[in-house]
Structure formats: structure tokens, C-alpha cells
Amino acid sequence: MTKAELIEEVSRVVEMTRKDSEVIVEAIFDSIVRSLRTGDKIEIRGFGSFRTRQRQPRVGRNPKTGTRVEVPSKRIPYFKPSKELKDLVNHAAQAAASAGDAASAAGEHPAF
């Protein structure tokens, strides 16, 4: 799903204009980025948490020339899904797989 598709989905579900939905989605993303920049952790119950991790400096190689390159330390964003989200994703995958198994046993093609 792209950002534009997310905005369309919010617009449809909440019955708002696309412009208002875009403002809401942008505000949420901006809030997450702002919190991560200051080192805060964002926790959304039932979905997951966002935080930053520190990467140590290291020596890398330029893939084109093979020369050594010093890579400085940096903070990277990290997302950890909640148990509920993992269960929902796995339950949906299992349900689709069992529906596909039932359809193939009946000689039908699974619906996509």
C-alpha cells in the first residue's frame, strides 16, 4: 500500500475529503518522525513500536572501486510489531492458505 492509497482509504472510511485525509495522514507521519528525531519511543498498542537504534562506525568498501570507506555512526529507525499484529497477520495468512487448500481440494482456483 502506498501513501496515496492510505490517504484514499482514510478518506473512504472516515467519509472526509481527500485533502482532509491527507492532512491527517501527514500529521501522523510528521509526529512519528519528530518523536524519533528527539530520541523518543512511539508505542501504538495493538500495532507496534517505533524507536531508533545506534549503529556503530565501521569500515565499508565502495562496491565499484573496492576502496575502503569510513562509515560514521548513525541512528536508524526501527519498527517492532506487537504480538497482536503478528497474530493478525499470521491468522490471515493461515486462513488464506486453508481457503486455498479447500478450493484446490474441490478443484477450484483460490480467489485473490
Protein backbone atom coordinates (compact mmCIF):
# COMPACT_ATOMS: atom_id res chain seq x y z
CA MET A 1 0.00 0.00 0.00
CA THR A 2 1.35 3.39 -0.93
CA LYS A 3 0.88 6.63 0.96
CA ALA A 4 -1.65 7.78 -1.65
CA GLU A 5 -3.63 4.55 -1.23
CA LEU A 6 -3.57 5.02 2.55
CA ILE A 7 -4.94 8.54 2.15
CA GLU A 8 -7.69 7.23 -0.14
CA GLU A 9 -8.59 4.51 2.38
CA VAL A 10 -8.78 7.01 5.26
CA SER A 11 -10.89 9.31 3.10
CA ARG A 12 -13.29 6.48 2.27
CA VAL A 13 -13.60 5.04 5.79
CA VAL A 14 -13.98 8.36 7.62
CA GLU A 15 -16.03 9.93 4.82
CA MET A 16 -13.85 13.02 4.56
CA THR A 17 -12.44 14.83 1.60
CA ARG A 18 -9.17 13.54 0.23
CA LYS A 19 -7.48 16.82 1.23
CA ASP A 20 -8.59 16.49 4.89
CA SER A 21 -7.47 12.86 4.96
CA GLU A 22 -4.09 13.85 3.54
CA VAL A 23 -3.64 16.41 6.33
CA ILE A 24 -4.40 13.72 8.95
CA VAL A 25 -2.01 11.14 7.47
CA GLU A 26 0.75 13.75 7.07
CA ALA A 27 0.26 14.91 10.68
CA ILE A 28 0.63 11.34 11.97
CA PHE A 29 3.80 10.72 9.94
CA ASP A 30 5.27 14.09 10.95
CA SER A 31 4.58 13.35 14.63
CA ILE A 32 6.32 9.98 14.38
CA VAL A 33 9.37 11.48 12.64
CA ARG A 34 9.57 14.37 15.11
CA SER A 35 9.48 11.97 18.08
CA LEU A 36 12.14 9.69 16.59
CA ARG A 37 14.41 12.69 15.91
CA THR A 38 14.32 13.63 19.59
CA GLY A 39 15.04 10.04 20.62
CA ASP A 40 11.54 9.26 21.91
CA LYS A 41 9.91 5.87 21.54
CA ILE A 42 6.46 5.67 19.92
CA GLU A 43 4.23 2.85 21.11
CA ILE A 44 0.90 2.16 19.42
CA ARG A 45 -0.92 -0.55 21.38
CA GLY A 46 -2.02 -3.46 19.23
CA PHE A 47 0.17 -2.30 16.32
CA GLY A 48 3.79 -1.97 17.40
CA SER A 49 6.50 0.42 18.45
CA PHE A 50 8.95 2.70 16.67
CA ARG A 51 12.34 3.59 18.11
CA THR A 52 15.84 4.37 16.93
CA ARG A 53 18.91 2.19 17.22
CA GLN A 54 22.51 3.35 17.19
CA ARG A 55 24.80 1.84 14.54
CA GLN A 56 28.49 1.86 15.35
CA PRO A 57 31.04 3.34 12.94
CA ARG A 58 32.61 0.77 10.63
CA VAL A 59 34.85 0.36 7.63
CA GLY A 60 32.98 -0.42 4.42
CA ARG A 61 34.00 -0.89 0.83
CA ASN A 62 33.00 1.04 -2.26
CA PRO A 63 31.42 -1.69 -4.42
CA LYS A 64 32.57 -0.02 -7.65
CA THR A 65 36.23 0.57 -6.82
CA GLY A 66 36.80 -1.70 -3.82
CA THR A 67 38.42 1.10 -1.82
CA ARG A 68 37.91 1.29 1.94
CA VAL A 69 35.36 3.84 3.14
CA GLU A 70 34.83 5.01 6.71
CA VAL A 71 31.12 4.77 7.54
CA PRO A 72 30.24 7.02 10.51
CA SER A 73 27.93 6.01 13.36
CA LYS A 74 24.27 6.81 12.82
CA ARG A 75 20.83 6.33 14.27
CA ILE A 76 18.39 4.22 12.28
CA PRO A 77 14.61 3.92 12.74
CA TYR A 78 13.41 0.51 13.88
CA PHE A 79 9.86 -0.91 13.98
CA LYS A 80 8.89 -3.78 16.23
CA PRO A 81 5.41 -5.23 15.56
CA SER A 82 3.18 -6.08 18.51
CA LYS A 83 2.11 -9.63 19.31
CA GLU A 84 -1.44 -8.72 18.27
CA LEU A 85 -0.27 -7.52 14.84
CA LYS A 86 1.84 -10.66 14.34
CA ASP A 87 -1.14 -12.84 15.26
CA LEU A 88 -3.47 -10.95 12.91
CA VAL A 89 -1.03 -11.25 10.01
CA ASN A 90 -0.38 -14.93 10.66
CA HIS A 91 -4.07 -15.71 11.18
CA ALA A 92 -4.93 -14.03 7.87
CA ALA A 93 -2.15 -15.95 6.10
CA GLN A 94 -3.31 -19.24 7.62
CA ALA A 95 -6.94 -18.53 6.72
CA ALA A 96 -5.98 -17.75 3.12
CA ALA A 97 -3.84 -20.89 2.92
CA SER A 98 -6.60 -23.10 4.29
CA ALA A 99 -9.12 -21.47 1.91
CA GLY A 100 -6.72 -22.20 -0.95
CA ASP A 101 -6.32 -25.80 0.23
CA ALA A 102 -10.10 -26.26 0.40
CA ALA A 103 -10.54 -24.72 -3.05
CA SER A 104 -7.82 -26.88 -4.59
CA ALA A 105 -9.33 -29.99 -2.98
CA ALA A 106 -12.66 -29.05 -4.60
CA GLY A 107 -10.91 -28.46 -7.94
CA GLU A 108 -11.39 -24.67 -7.81
CA HIS A 109 -8.86 -21.87 -8.06
CA PRO A 110 -8.45 -19.80 -4.85
CA ALA A 111 -9.90 -16.30 -5.03
CA PHE A 112 -7.40 -13.45 -4.87
